[in-house]
Amino acid sequence: MQKKQKFPYLVGSKWTAQQKIDGWRHFQVVNRKNQGKWVFAEMVAACDPLVRFWVNAKLLKNTSQWQSGWQSLQEIAEVEGYVS
């Protein structure tokens, strides 16, 4: 029986950073790599393809750092509790 792949839908997924990274909040996963038990995602800024970095995919589950999908500033503020 084949082992279940961790994060099967990682490539192509879209994410919003809670804090700006190199001036941007919206990123897309363009690549993945497995290193032992770890899975890494290559993130690229939606508005600047030169802004790219690798992140441990497990960190994307931390909602204090990342939200799945592209969130508007209003949605981010609501999550942080700034707008009632």
PDB file of N, CA and C in Angstrom:
ATOM      1  N   MET A   1       0.842  -1.188   0.000  1.00  0.00           N
ATOM      2  CA  MET A   1       0.000   0.000   0.000  1.00  0.00           C
ATOM      3  C   MET A   1       0.883   1.246   0.000  1.00  0.00           C
ATOM      4  N   GLN A   2       0.537   2.214  -0.836  1.00  0.00           N
ATOM      5  CA  GLN A   2       1.333   3.425  -0.970  1.00  0.00           C
ATOM      6  C   GLN A   2       1.103   4.350   0.219  1.00  0.00           C
ATOM      7  N   LYS A   3       2.186   4.958   0.683  1.00  0.00           N
ATOM      8  CA  LYS A   3       2.129   5.873   1.813  1.00  0.00           C
ATOM      9  C   LYS A   3       1.396   7.155   1.410  1.00  0.00           C
ATOM     10  N   LYS A   4       0.552   7.663   2.301  1.00  0.00           N
ATOM     11  CA  LYS A   4      -0.203   8.889   2.031  1.00  0.00           C
ATOM     12  C   LYS A   4       0.745  10.087   1.984  1.00  0.00           C
ATOM     13  N   GLN A   5       0.607  10.914   0.936  1.00  0.00           N
ATOM     14  CA  GLN A   5       1.453  12.084   0.768  1.00  0.00           C
ATOM     15  C   GLN A   5       0.991  13.204   1.697  1.00  0.00           C
ATOM     16  N   LYS A   6       1.949  13.822   2.409  1.00  0.00           N
ATOM     17  CA  LYS A   6       1.622  14.979   3.242  1.00  0.00           C
ATOM     18  C   LYS A   6       1.403  16.186   2.344  1.00  0.00           C
ATOM     19  N   PHE A   7       0.415  16.995   2.652  1.00  0.00           N
ATOM     20  CA  PHE A   7       0.108  18.218   1.908  1.00  0.00           C
ATOM     21  C   PHE A   7      -0.083  17.949   0.410  1.00  0.00           C
ATOM     22  N   PRO A   8      -1.046  17.093   0.039  1.00  0.00           N
ATOM     23  CA  PRO A   8      -1.202  16.713  -1.369  1.00  0.00           C
ATOM     24  C   PRO A   8      -1.608  17.855  -2.304  1.00  0.00           C
ATOM     25  N   TYR A   9      -2.249  18.894  -1.790  1.00  0.00           N
ATOM     26  CA  TYR A   9      -2.719  19.989  -2.648  1.00  0.00           C
ATOM     27  C   TYR A   9      -1.887  21.250  -2.461  1.00  0.00           C
ATOM     28  N   LEU A  10      -0.646  21.101  -2.092  1.00  0.00           N
ATOM     29  CA  LEU A  10       0.202  22.247  -1.752  1.00  0.00           C
ATOM     30  C   LEU A  10       0.512  23.122  -2.966  1.00  0.00           C
ATOM     31  N   VAL A  11       1.007  22.525  -4.044  1.00  0.00           N
ATOM     32  CA  VAL A  11       1.387  23.305  -5.226  1.00  0.00           C
ATOM     33  C   VAL A  11       0.140  23.925  -5.851  1.00  0.00           C
ATOM     34  N   GLY A  12       0.210  25.231  -6.082  1.00  0.00           N
ATOM     35  CA  GLY A  12      -0.917  25.963  -6.649  1.00  0.00           C
ATOM     36  C   GLY A  12      -1.797  26.623  -5.594  1.00  0.00           C
ATOM     37  N   SER A  13      -1.593  26.264  -4.321  1.00  0.00           N
ATOM     38  CA  SER A  13      -2.423  26.865  -3.280  1.00  0.00           C
ATOM     39  C   SER A  13      -2.012  28.315  -3.037  1.00  0.00           C
ATOM     40  N   LYS A  14      -2.963  29.108  -2.558  1.00  0.00           N
ATOM     41  CA  LYS A  14      -2.752  30.549  -2.352  1.00  0.00           C
ATOM     42  C   LYS A  14      -2.851  30.844  -0.860  1.00  0.00           C
ATOM     43  N   TRP A  15      -2.013  31.775  -0.400  1.00  0.00           N
ATOM     44  CA  TRP A  15      -1.907  32.081   1.017  1.00  0.00           C
ATOM     45  C   TRP A  15      -1.765  33.575   1.251  1.00  0.00           C
ATOM     46  N   THR A  16      -2.269  34.024   2.382  1.00  0.00           N
ATOM     47  CA  THR A  16      -2.111  35.416   2.806  1.00  0.00           C
ATOM     48  C   THR A  16      -1.301  35.420   4.096  1.00  0.00           C
ATOM     49  N   ALA A  17      -0.193  36.163   4.081  1.00  0.00           N
ATOM     50  CA  ALA A  17       0.635  36.310   5.276  1.00  0.00           C
ATOM     51  C   ALA A  17      -0.019  37.333   6.205  1.00  0.00           C
ATOM     52  N   GLN A  18      -0.037  37.051   7.484  1.00  0.00           N
ATOM     53  CA  GLN A  18      -0.606  37.989   8.452  1.00  0.00           C
ATOM     54  C   GLN A  18       0.261  39.246   8.571  1.00  0.00           C
ATOM     55  N   GLN A  19       1.560  39.108   8.357  1.00  0.00           N
ATOM     56  CA  GLN A  19       2.497  40.232   8.355  1.00  0.00           C
ATOM     57  C   GLN A  19       3.150  40.290   6.979  1.00  0.00           C
ATOM     58  N   LYS A  20       3.420  41.497   6.499  1.00  0.00           N
ATOM     59  CA  LYS A  20       4.048  41.630   5.185  1.00  0.00           C
ATOM     60  C   LYS A  20       5.419  40.954   5.160  1.00  0.00           C
ATOM     61  N   ILE A  21       5.704  40.330   4.032  1.00  0.00           N
ATOM     62  CA  ILE A  21       7.000  39.703   3.791  1.00  0.00           C
ATOM     63  C   ILE A  21       7.577  40.360   2.548  1.00  0.00           C
ATOM     64  N   ASP A  22       8.686  41.059   2.703  1.00  0.00           N
ATOM     65  CA  ASP A  22       9.290  41.827   1.605  1.00  0.00           C
ATOM     66  C   ASP A  22       8.267  42.749   0.947  1.00  0.00           C
ATOM     67  N   GLY A  23       7.359  43.296   1.751  1.00  0.00           N
ATOM     68  CA  GLY A  23       6.376  44.253   1.264  1.00  0.00           C
ATOM     69  C   GLY A  23       5.090  43.649   0.733  1.00  0.00           C
ATOM     70  N   TRP A  24       4.950  42.328   0.773  1.00  0.00           N
ATOM     71  CA  TRP A  24       3.773  41.668   0.193  1.00  0.00           C
ATOM     72  C   TRP A  24       3.093  40.753   1.187  1.00  0.00           C
ATOM     73  N   ARG A  25       1.805  40.517   0.950  1.00  0.00           N
ATOM     74  CA  ARG A  25       1.025  39.606   1.796  1.00  0.00           C
ATOM     75  C   ARG A  25       0.505  38.381   1.046  1.00  0.00           C
ATOM     76  N   HIS A  26       0.300  38.504  -0.266  1.00  0.00           N
ATOM     77  CA  HIS A  26      -0.323  37.415  -1.029  1.00  0.00           C
ATOM     78  C   HIS A  26       0.733  36.583  -1.758  1.00  0.00           C
ATOM     79  N   PHE A  27       0.661  35.279  -1.526  1.00  0.00           N
ATOM     80  CA  PHE A  27       1.652  34.361  -2.081  1.00  0.00           C
ATOM     81  C   PHE A  27       0.972  33.121  -2.650  1.00  0.00           C
ATOM     82  N   GLN A  28       1.684  32.474  -3.561  1.00  0.00           N
ATOM     83  CA  GLN A  28       1.220  31.217  -4.138  1.00  0.00           C
ATOM     84  C   GLN A  28       2.352  30.207  -4.065  1.00  0.00           C
ATOM     85  N   VAL A  29       1.997  28.957  -3.802  1.00  0.00           N
ATOM     86  CA  VAL A  29       2.992  27.891  -3.757  1.00  0.00           C
ATOM     87  C   VAL A  29       3.253  27.429  -5.186  1.00  0.00           C
ATOM     88  N   VAL A  30       4.509  27.506  -5.624  1.00  0.00           N
ATOM     89  CA  VAL A  30       4.852  27.116  -6.994  1.00  0.00           C
ATOM     90  C   VAL A  30       5.670  25.830  -7.058  1.00  0.00           C
ATOM     91  N   ASN A  31       6.152  25.377  -5.913  1.00  0.00           N
ATOM     92  CA  ASN A  31       6.977  24.177  -5.915  1.00  0.00           C
ATOM     93  C   ASN A  31       6.959  23.581  -4.515  1.00  0.00           C
ATOM     94  N   ARG A  32       7.291  22.311  -4.427  1.00  0.00           N
ATOM     95  CA  ARG A  32       7.407  21.646  -3.138  1.00  0.00           C
ATOM     96  C   ARG A  32       8.611  20.736  -3.164  1.00  0.00           C
ATOM     97  N   LYS A  33       9.170  20.489  -1.993  1.00  0.00           N
ATOM     98  CA  LYS A  33      10.239  19.491  -1.915  1.00  0.00           C
ATOM     99  C   LYS A  33      10.126  18.763  -0.587  1.00  0.00           C
ATOM    100  N   ASN A  34      10.420  17.496  -0.642  1.00  0.00           N
ATOM    101  CA  ASN A  34      10.404  16.650   0.546  1.00  0.00           C
ATOM    102  C   ASN A  34      11.854  16.414   0.964  1.00  0.00           C
ATOM    103  N   GLN A  35      12.120  16.642   2.237  1.00  0.00           N
ATOM    104  CA  GLN A  35      13.441  16.351   2.789  1.00  0.00           C
ATOM    105  C   GLN A  35      13.238  15.538   4.055  1.00  0.00           C
ATOM    106  N   GLY A  36      13.403  14.232   3.919  1.00  0.00           N
ATOM    107  CA  GLY A  36      13.132  13.349   5.047  1.00  0.00           C
ATOM    108  C   GLY A  36      11.673  13.434   5.424  1.00  0.00           C
ATOM    109  N   LYS A  37      11.405  13.729   6.699  1.00  0.00           N
ATOM    110  CA  LYS A  37      10.013  13.832   7.140  1.00  0.00           C
ATOM    111  C   LYS A  37       9.438  15.229   6.930  1.00  0.00           C
ATOM    112  N   TRP A  38      10.222  16.163   6.445  1.00  0.00           N
ATOM    113  CA  TRP A  38       9.781  17.546   6.259  1.00  0.00           C
ATOM    114  C   TRP A  38       9.317  17.810   4.839  1.00  0.00           C
ATOM    115  N   VAL A  39       8.322  18.689   4.721  1.00  0.00           N
ATOM    116  CA  VAL A  39       7.829  19.138   3.418  1.00  0.00           C
ATOM    117  C   VAL A  39       8.001  20.651   3.373  1.00  0.00           C
ATOM    118  N   PHE A  40       8.601  21.146   2.293  1.00  0.00           N
ATOM    119  CA  PHE A  40       8.825  22.577   2.127  1.00  0.00           C
ATOM    120  C   PHE A  40       8.059  23.085   0.910  1.00  0.00           C
ATOM    121  N   ALA A  41       7.577  24.328   1.026  1.00  0.00           N
ATOM    122  CA  ALA A  41       6.824  24.965  -0.053  1.00  0.00           C
ATOM    123  C   ALA A  41       7.603  26.187  -0.533  1.00  0.00           C
ATOM    124  N   GLU A  42       7.732  26.324  -1.860  1.00  0.00           N
ATOM    125  CA  GLU A  42       8.340  27.528  -2.422  1.00  0.00           C
ATOM    126  C   GLU A  42       7.222  28.535  -2.662  1.00  0.00           C
ATOM    127  N   MET A  43       7.302  29.652  -1.972  1.00  0.00           N
ATOM    128  CA  MET A  43       6.284  30.697  -2.037  1.00  0.00           C
ATOM    129  C   MET A  43       6.760  31.802  -2.973  1.00  0.00           C
ATOM    130  N   VAL A  44       5.831  32.327  -3.784  1.00  0.00           N
ATOM    131  CA  VAL A  44       6.132  33.441  -4.682  1.00  0.00           C
ATOM    132  C   VAL A  44       5.062  34.505  -4.471  1.00  0.00           C
ATOM    133  N   ALA A  45       5.502  35.760  -4.342  1.00  0.00           N
ATOM    134  CA  ALA A  45       4.551  36.860  -4.165  1.00  0.00           C
ATOM    135  C   ALA A  45       3.690  36.991  -5.411  1.00  0.00           C
ATOM    136  N   ALA A  46       2.397  37.207  -5.212  1.00  0.00           N
ATOM    137  CA  ALA A  46       1.454  37.300  -6.330  1.00  0.00           C
ATOM    138  C   ALA A  46       1.770  38.481  -7.242  1.00  0.00           C
ATOM    139  N   CYS A  47       2.246  39.575  -6.683  1.00  0.00           N
ATOM    140  CA  CYS A  47       2.472  40.792  -7.468  1.00  0.00           C
ATOM    141  C   CYS A  47       3.925  41.010  -7.864  1.00  0.00           C
ATOM    142  N   ASP A  48       4.826  40.169  -7.378  1.00  0.00           N
ATOM    143  CA  ASP A  48       6.249  40.332  -7.697  1.00  0.00           C
ATOM    144  C   ASP A  48       6.919  38.965  -7.727  1.00  0.00           C
ATOM    145  N   PRO A  49       7.043  38.366  -8.910  1.00  0.00           N
ATOM    146  CA  PRO A  49       7.601  37.014  -8.999  1.00  0.00           C
ATOM    147  C   PRO A  49       9.070  36.913  -8.576  1.00  0.00           C
ATOM    148  N   LEU A  50       9.728  38.062  -8.370  1.00  0.00           N
ATOM    149  CA  LEU A  50      11.112  38.024  -7.891  1.00  0.00           C
ATOM    150  C   LEU A  50      11.184  37.775  -6.380  1.00  0.00           C
ATOM    151  N   VAL A  51      10.066  37.985  -5.684  1.00  0.00           N
ATOM    152  CA  VAL A  51      10.016  37.726  -4.246  1.00  0.00           C
ATOM    153  C   VAL A  51       9.592  36.281  -4.053  1.00  0.00           C
ATOM    154  N   ARG A  52      10.555  35.449  -3.661  1.00  0.00           N
ATOM    155  CA  ARG A  52      10.280  34.031  -3.455  1.00  0.00           C
ATOM    156  C   ARG A  52      11.132  33.498  -2.324  1.00  0.00           C
ATOM    157  N   PHE A  53      10.609  32.501  -1.626  1.00  0.00           N
ATOM    158  CA  PHE A  53      11.317  31.904  -0.498  1.00  0.00           C
ATOM    159  C   PHE A  53      10.717  30.534  -0.209  1.00  0.00           C
ATOM    160  N   TRP A  54      11.453  29.731   0.542  1.00  0.00           N
ATOM    161  CA  TRP A  54      10.986  28.413   0.949  1.00  0.00           C
ATOM    162  C   TRP A  54      10.533  28.485   2.399  1.00  0.00           C
ATOM    163  N   VAL A  55       9.457  27.777   2.712  1.00  0.00           N
ATOM    164  CA  VAL A  55       8.933  27.724   4.078  1.00  0.00           C
ATOM    165  C   VAL A  55       8.539  26.283   4.388  1.00  0.00           C
ATOM    166  N   ASN A  56       8.722  25.897   5.629  1.00  0.00           N
ATOM    167  CA  ASN A  56       8.255  24.587   6.059  1.00  0.00           C
ATOM    168  C   ASN A  56       6.728  24.587   5.930  1.00  0.00           C
ATOM    169  N   ALA A  57       6.179  23.661   5.182  1.00  0.00           N
ATOM    170  CA  ALA A  57       4.741  23.639   4.900  1.00  0.00           C
ATOM    171  C   ALA A  57       3.913  23.530   6.180  1.00  0.00           C
ATOM    172  N   LYS A  58       4.474  22.957   7.219  1.00  0.00           N
ATOM    173  CA  LYS A  58       3.752  22.836   8.483  1.00  0.00           C
ATOM    174  C   LYS A  58       3.423  24.220   9.064  1.00  0.00           C
ATOM    175  N   LEU A  59       4.272  25.218   8.789  1.00  0.00           N
ATOM    176  CA  LEU A  59       4.032  26.573   9.291  1.00  0.00           C
ATOM    177  C   LEU A  59       2.794  27.208   8.670  1.00  0.00           C
ATOM    178  N   LEU A  60       2.390  26.750   7.492  1.00  0.00           N
ATOM    179  CA  LEU A  60       1.212  27.306   6.838  1.00  0.00           C
ATOM    180  C   LEU A  60      -0.067  26.999   7.618  1.00  0.00           C
ATOM    181  N   LYS A  61      -0.010  26.018   8.495  1.00  0.00           N
ATOM    182  CA  LYS A  61      -1.179  25.682   9.320  1.00  0.00           C
ATOM    183  C   LYS A  61      -1.326  26.626  10.514  1.00  0.00           C
ATOM    184  N   ASN A  62      -0.311  27.442  10.774  1.00  0.00           N
ATOM    185  CA  ASN A  62      -0.342  28.384  11.892  1.00  0.00           C
ATOM    186  C   ASN A  62      -1.133  29.622  11.478  1.00  0.00           C
ATOM    187  N   THR A  63      -2.371  29.738  11.947  1.00  0.00           N
ATOM    188  CA  THR A  63      -3.247  30.830  11.509  1.00  0.00           C
ATOM    189  C   THR A  63      -2.823  32.195  12.039  1.00  0.00           C
ATOM    190  N   SER A  64      -1.902  32.240  12.992  1.00  0.00           N
ATOM    191  CA  SER A  64      -1.400  33.544  13.438  1.00  0.00           C
ATOM    192  C   SER A  64      -0.371  34.091  12.449  1.00  0.00           C
ATOM    193  N   GLN A  65       0.113  33.224  11.531  1.00  0.00           N
ATOM    194  CA  GLN A  65       1.073  33.654  10.515  1.00  0.00           C
ATOM    195  C   GLN A  65       0.499  33.624   9.111  1.00  0.00           C
ATOM    196  N   TRP A  66      -0.369  32.656   8.818  1.00  0.00           N
ATOM    197  CA  TRP A  66      -0.879  32.447   7.457  1.00  0.00           C
ATOM    198  C   TRP A  66      -2.376  32.169   7.470  1.00  0.00           C
ATOM    199  N   GLN A  67      -3.066  32.646   6.434  1.00  0.00           N
ATOM    200  CA  GLN A  67      -4.466  32.298   6.175  1.00  0.00           C
ATOM    201  C   GLN A  67      -4.520  31.678   4.781  1.00  0.00           C
ATOM    202  N   SER A  68      -5.284  30.617   4.627  1.00  0.00           N
ATOM    203  CA  SER A  68      -5.389  30.011   3.298  1.00  0.00           C
ATOM    204  C   SER A  68      -6.221  30.920   2.395  1.00  0.00           C
ATOM    205  N   GLY A  69      -5.871  30.941   1.134  1.00  0.00           N
ATOM    206  CA  GLY A  69      -6.539  31.815   0.175  1.00  0.00           C
ATOM    207  C   GLY A  69      -5.982  33.228   0.246  1.00  0.00           C
ATOM    208  N   TRP A  70      -6.429  34.074  -0.658  1.00  0.00           N
ATOM    209  CA  TRP A  70      -6.014  35.470  -0.642  1.00  0.00           C
ATOM    210  C   TRP A  70      -7.082  36.271   0.071  1.00  0.00           C
ATOM    211  N   GLN A  71      -6.737  36.848   1.202  1.00  0.00           N
ATOM    212  CA  GLN A  71      -7.659  37.606   2.032  1.00  0.00           C
ATOM    213  C   GLN A  71      -7.496  39.103   1.756  1.00  0.00           C
ATOM    214  N   SER A  72      -8.598  39.841   1.826  1.00  0.00           N
ATOM    215  CA  SER A  72      -8.539  41.299   1.698  1.00  0.00           C
ATOM    216  C   SER A  72      -8.046  41.885   3.022  1.00  0.00           C
ATOM    217  N   LEU A  73      -7.630  43.152   3.011  1.00  0.00           N
ATOM    218  CA  LEU A  73      -7.195  43.801   4.238  1.00  0.00           C
ATOM    219  C   LEU A  73      -8.312  43.806   5.275  1.00  0.00           C
ATOM    220  N   GLN A  74      -9.560  43.985   4.818  1.00  0.00           N
ATOM    221  CA  GLN A  74     -10.699  43.965   5.748  1.00  0.00           C
ATOM    222  C   GLN A  74     -10.842  42.586   6.393  1.00  0.00           C
ATOM    223  N   GLU A  75     -10.703  41.535   5.604  1.00  0.00           N
ATOM    224  CA  GLU A  75     -10.805  40.181   6.146  1.00  0.00           C
ATOM    225  C   GLU A  75      -9.685  39.907   7.145  1.00  0.00           C
ATOM    226  N   ILE A  76      -8.491  40.405   6.852  1.00  0.00           N
ATOM    227  CA  ILE A  76      -7.363  40.232   7.771  1.00  0.00           C
ATOM    228  C   ILE A  76      -7.659  40.949   9.080  1.00  0.00           C
ATOM    229  N   ALA A  77      -8.178  42.163   8.999  1.00  0.00           N
ATOM    230  CA  ALA A  77      -8.505  42.932  10.198  1.00  0.00           C
ATOM    231  C   ALA A  77      -9.579  42.235  11.020  1.00  0.00           C
ATOM    232  N   GLU A  78     -10.560  41.638  10.367  1.00  0.00           N
ATOM    233  CA  GLU A  78     -11.622  40.932  11.081  1.00  0.00           C
ATOM    234  C   GLU A  78     -11.064  39.722  11.812  1.00  0.00           C
ATOM    235  N   VAL A  79     -10.154  39.016  11.188  1.00  0.00           N
ATOM    236  CA  VAL A  79      -9.531  37.848  11.826  1.00  0.00           C
ATOM    237  C   VAL A  79      -8.740  38.289  13.052  1.00  0.00           C
ATOM    238  N   GLU A  80      -8.071  39.431  12.947  1.00  0.00           N
ATOM    239  CA  GLU A  80      -7.268  39.924  14.059  1.00  0.00           C
ATOM    240  C   GLU A  80      -8.109  40.619  15.116  1.00  0.00           C
ATOM    241  N   GLY A  81      -9.412  40.800  14.850  1.00  0.00           N
ATOM    242  CA  GLY A  81     -10.297  41.383  15.827  1.00  0.00           C
ATOM    243  C   GLY A  81     -10.352  42.897  15.836  1.00  0.00           C
ATOM    244  N   TYR A  82      -9.860  43.544  14.776  1.00  0.00           N
ATOM    245  CA  TYR A  82      -9.846  45.008  14.719  1.00  0.00           C
ATOM    246  C   TYR A  82     -11.167  45.588  14.263  1.00  0.00           C
ATOM    247  N   VAL A  83     -11.960  44.825  13.519  1.00  0.00           N
ATOM    248  CA  VAL A  83     -13.227  45.307  13.003  1.00  0.00           C
ATOM    249  C   VAL A  83     -14.335  44.452  13.598  1.00  0.00           C
ATOM    250  N   SER A  84     -15.363  45.077  14.119  1.00  0.00           N
ATOM    251  CA  SER A  84     -16.449  44.283  14.707  1.00  0.00           C
ATOM    252  C   SER A  84     -17.565  44.050  13.729  1.00  0.00           C
TER     253      SER A  84
END
